[in-house]
Amino acid sequence: MTVRRTLIVRLGQLLRRRGQAARGLRLTLHVNGGATWEISHRMSEASAHHEDLRPLACRLTDPPASGAAG
């Protein structure tokens, strides 16, 4: 299991255990020197299942397609 998949599965388990659901995911990177980079995506419906969270997490962490603005 990849690190990303492991994190997504654990997030889904944590949300379900707490009786919560995610409406979106946000990735924030704090780099040396104080700069911050952030990207987020929202889902059409809230979910606590890793099958729903996985595509969203992939969009956050995969590099943009060739020719896409970044």
N, C-alpha and C. Protein backbone atom coordinates (compact mmCIF):
# COMPACT_ATOMS: atom_id res chain seq x y z
N MET A 1 0.86 -1.18 0.00
CA MET A 1 0.00 0.00 0.00
C MET A 1 0.90 1.24 0.00
N THR A 2 0.60 2.19 -0.86
CA THR A 2 1.40 3.40 -0.94
C THR A 2 1.16 4.29 0.28
N VAL A 3 2.07 5.21 0.49
CA VAL A 3 1.92 6.14 1.62
C VAL A 3 0.65 6.96 1.46
N ARG A 4 0.40 7.45 0.24
CA ARG A 4 -0.80 8.26 0.02
C ARG A 4 -2.06 7.45 0.32
N ARG A 5 -2.12 6.21 -0.18
CA ARG A 5 -3.31 5.38 0.06
C ARG A 5 -3.46 5.09 1.55
N THR A 6 -2.36 4.81 2.24
CA THR A 6 -2.41 4.56 3.68
C THR A 6 -2.98 5.77 4.42
N LEU A 7 -2.53 6.97 4.06
CA LEU A 7 -3.03 8.18 4.72
C LEU A 7 -4.51 8.40 4.44
N ILE A 8 -4.94 8.12 3.21
CA ILE A 8 -6.35 8.31 2.86
C ILE A 8 -7.23 7.33 3.62
N VAL A 9 -6.79 6.07 3.70
CA VAL A 9 -7.55 5.06 4.44
C VAL A 9 -7.63 5.45 5.91
N ARG A 10 -6.51 5.89 6.49
CA ARG A 10 -6.51 6.30 7.91
C ARG A 10 -7.41 7.52 8.13
N LEU A 11 -7.41 8.46 7.19
CA LEU A 11 -8.29 9.63 7.31
C LEU A 11 -9.75 9.20 7.30
N GLY A 12 -10.11 8.31 6.39
CA GLY A 12 -11.49 7.80 6.35
C GLY A 12 -11.88 7.11 7.65
N GLN A 13 -10.98 6.30 8.19
CA GLN A 13 -11.25 5.60 9.46
C GLN A 13 -11.45 6.60 10.60
N LEU A 14 -10.59 7.61 10.66
CA LEU A 14 -10.69 8.62 11.71
C LEU A 14 -12.00 9.40 11.60
N LEU A 15 -12.37 9.79 10.39
CA LEU A 15 -13.62 10.53 10.21
C LEU A 15 -14.82 9.69 10.64
N ARG A 16 -14.84 8.41 10.22
CA ARG A 16 -15.96 7.55 10.59
C ARG A 16 -16.02 7.33 12.09
N ARG A 17 -14.86 7.13 12.74
CA ARG A 17 -14.83 6.92 14.19
C ARG A 17 -15.38 8.13 14.92
N ARG A 18 -15.12 9.33 14.39
CA ARG A 18 -15.60 10.57 15.01
C ARG A 18 -17.02 10.94 14.58
N GLY A 19 -17.59 10.18 13.66
CA GLY A 19 -18.92 10.50 13.16
C GLY A 19 -18.90 11.75 12.28
N GLN A 20 -17.78 11.98 11.60
CA GLN A 20 -17.63 13.16 10.76
C GLN A 20 -17.49 12.75 9.29
N ALA A 21 -17.55 13.74 8.42
CA ALA A 21 -17.34 13.51 6.99
C ALA A 21 -16.62 14.72 6.41
N ALA A 22 -15.82 14.49 5.39
CA ALA A 22 -15.07 15.57 4.74
C ALA A 22 -15.89 16.15 3.59
N ARG A 23 -15.85 17.46 3.45
CA ARG A 23 -16.46 18.12 2.30
C ARG A 23 -15.40 18.48 1.27
N GLY A 24 -14.14 18.41 1.69
CA GLY A 24 -13.04 18.73 0.80
C GLY A 24 -11.73 18.43 1.49
N LEU A 25 -10.65 18.57 0.75
CA LEU A 25 -9.32 18.37 1.30
C LEU A 25 -8.46 19.57 0.95
N ARG A 26 -7.55 19.91 1.86
CA ARG A 26 -6.61 21.01 1.63
C ARG A 26 -5.21 20.52 1.94
N LEU A 27 -4.28 20.83 1.07
CA LEU A 27 -2.88 20.51 1.27
C LEU A 27 -2.14 21.82 1.41
N THR A 28 -1.44 21.99 2.53
CA THR A 28 -0.67 23.21 2.77
C THR A 28 0.78 22.82 3.00
N LEU A 29 1.68 23.44 2.26
CA LEU A 29 3.11 23.21 2.43
C LEU A 29 3.75 24.48 2.95
N HIS A 30 4.50 24.35 4.02
CA HIS A 30 5.27 25.46 4.58
C HIS A 30 6.73 25.17 4.25
N VAL A 31 7.33 26.04 3.46
CA VAL A 31 8.71 25.80 3.05
C VAL A 31 9.66 26.71 3.81
N ASN A 32 10.93 26.31 3.81
CA ASN A 32 11.96 27.08 4.49
C ASN A 32 11.95 28.51 3.97
N GLY A 33 12.09 29.47 4.85
CA GLY A 33 12.06 30.88 4.47
C GLY A 33 10.70 31.51 4.70
N GLY A 34 9.73 30.71 5.13
CA GLY A 34 8.42 31.25 5.48
C GLY A 34 7.37 31.22 4.39
N ALA A 35 7.73 30.81 3.18
CA ALA A 35 6.74 30.75 2.10
C ALA A 35 5.74 29.62 2.36
N THR A 36 4.53 29.81 1.89
CA THR A 36 3.47 28.81 2.02
C THR A 36 2.82 28.58 0.67
N TRP A 37 2.53 27.32 0.36
CA TRP A 37 1.83 26.95 -0.86
C TRP A 37 0.63 26.12 -0.44
N GLU A 38 -0.53 26.42 -1.00
CA GLU A 38 -1.75 25.73 -0.59
C GLU A 38 -2.61 25.43 -1.81
N ILE A 39 -3.24 24.27 -1.78
CA ILE A 39 -4.19 23.88 -2.81
C ILE A 39 -5.32 23.12 -2.12
N SER A 40 -6.53 23.31 -2.60
CA SER A 40 -7.66 22.60 -2.01
C SER A 40 -8.66 22.23 -3.10
N HIS A 41 -9.43 21.20 -2.82
CA HIS A 41 -10.51 20.76 -3.71
C HIS A 41 -11.69 20.38 -2.84
N ARG A 42 -12.88 20.64 -3.35
CA ARG A 42 -14.11 20.30 -2.63
C ARG A 42 -14.83 19.17 -3.36
N MET A 43 -15.59 18.39 -2.57
CA MET A 43 -16.40 17.31 -3.13
C MET A 43 -17.83 17.80 -3.27
N SER A 44 -18.58 17.17 -4.16
CA SER A 44 -19.99 17.55 -4.33
C SER A 44 -20.82 17.14 -3.12
N GLU A 45 -20.42 16.07 -2.44
CA GLU A 45 -21.10 15.60 -1.23
C GLU A 45 -20.06 15.21 -0.19
N ALA A 46 -20.35 15.46 1.07
CA ALA A 46 -19.45 15.07 2.16
C ALA A 46 -19.37 13.55 2.24
N SER A 47 -18.19 13.04 2.61
CA SER A 47 -17.98 11.60 2.71
C SER A 47 -16.89 11.29 3.72
N ALA A 48 -16.97 10.10 4.31
CA ALA A 48 -15.93 9.62 5.20
C ALA A 48 -15.35 8.31 4.68
N HIS A 49 -15.56 8.01 3.42
CA HIS A 49 -15.10 6.76 2.84
C HIS A 49 -13.88 7.00 1.96
N HIS A 50 -12.83 6.20 2.16
CA HIS A 50 -11.59 6.43 1.44
C HIS A 50 -11.76 6.30 -0.08
N GLU A 51 -12.74 5.53 -0.53
CA GLU A 51 -12.98 5.42 -1.97
C GLU A 51 -13.39 6.77 -2.56
N ASP A 52 -14.09 7.59 -1.78
CA ASP A 52 -14.49 8.92 -2.22
C ASP A 52 -13.37 9.94 -2.05
N LEU A 53 -12.56 9.76 -1.01
CA LEU A 53 -11.48 10.70 -0.73
C LEU A 53 -10.28 10.52 -1.65
N ARG A 54 -10.05 9.30 -2.14
CA ARG A 54 -8.86 9.00 -2.95
C ARG A 54 -8.74 9.87 -4.20
N PRO A 55 -9.78 10.00 -5.04
CA PRO A 55 -9.60 10.83 -6.25
C PRO A 55 -9.28 12.28 -5.92
N LEU A 56 -9.87 12.77 -4.85
CA LEU A 56 -9.61 14.15 -4.43
C LEU A 56 -8.16 14.31 -3.98
N ALA A 57 -7.67 13.37 -3.20
CA ALA A 57 -6.28 13.42 -2.74
C ALA A 57 -5.32 13.30 -3.91
N CYS A 58 -5.66 12.48 -4.90
CA CYS A 58 -4.80 12.34 -6.07
C CYS A 58 -4.71 13.65 -6.83
N ARG A 59 -5.82 14.37 -6.94
CA ARG A 59 -5.79 15.67 -7.62
C ARG A 59 -4.92 16.66 -6.87
N LEU A 60 -4.86 16.55 -5.55
CA LEU A 60 -4.04 17.46 -4.75
C LEU A 60 -2.56 17.16 -4.89
N THR A 61 -2.21 15.89 -5.01
CA THR A 61 -0.80 15.51 -4.92
C THR A 61 -0.15 15.13 -6.24
N ASP A 62 -0.94 14.86 -7.28
CA ASP A 62 -0.35 14.52 -8.57
C ASP A 62 0.10 15.78 -9.28
N PRO A 63 1.20 15.70 -10.03
CA PRO A 63 1.64 16.87 -10.78
C PRO A 63 0.62 17.22 -11.86
N PRO A 64 0.52 18.50 -12.24
CA PRO A 64 -0.43 18.88 -13.29
C PRO A 64 -0.06 18.21 -14.61
N ALA A 65 -1.06 18.01 -15.44
CA ALA A 65 -0.83 17.41 -16.75
C ALA A 65 0.06 18.33 -17.58
N SER A 66 0.77 17.74 -18.51
CA SER A 66 1.66 18.49 -19.38
C SER A 66 0.90 19.60 -20.08
N GLY A 67 1.45 20.79 -20.02
CA GLY A 67 0.83 21.94 -20.68
C GLY A 67 -0.16 22.69 -19.80
N ALA A 68 -0.48 22.14 -18.63
CA ALA A 68 -1.42 22.81 -17.74
C ALA A 68 -0.70 23.90 -16.97
N ALA A 69 -1.43 24.94 -16.67
CA ALA A 69 -0.85 26.03 -15.87
C ALA A 69 -0.64 25.53 -14.46
N GLY A 70 0.45 25.95 -13.84
CA GLY A 70 0.71 25.44 -12.49
C GLY A 70 1.04 26.49 -11.62
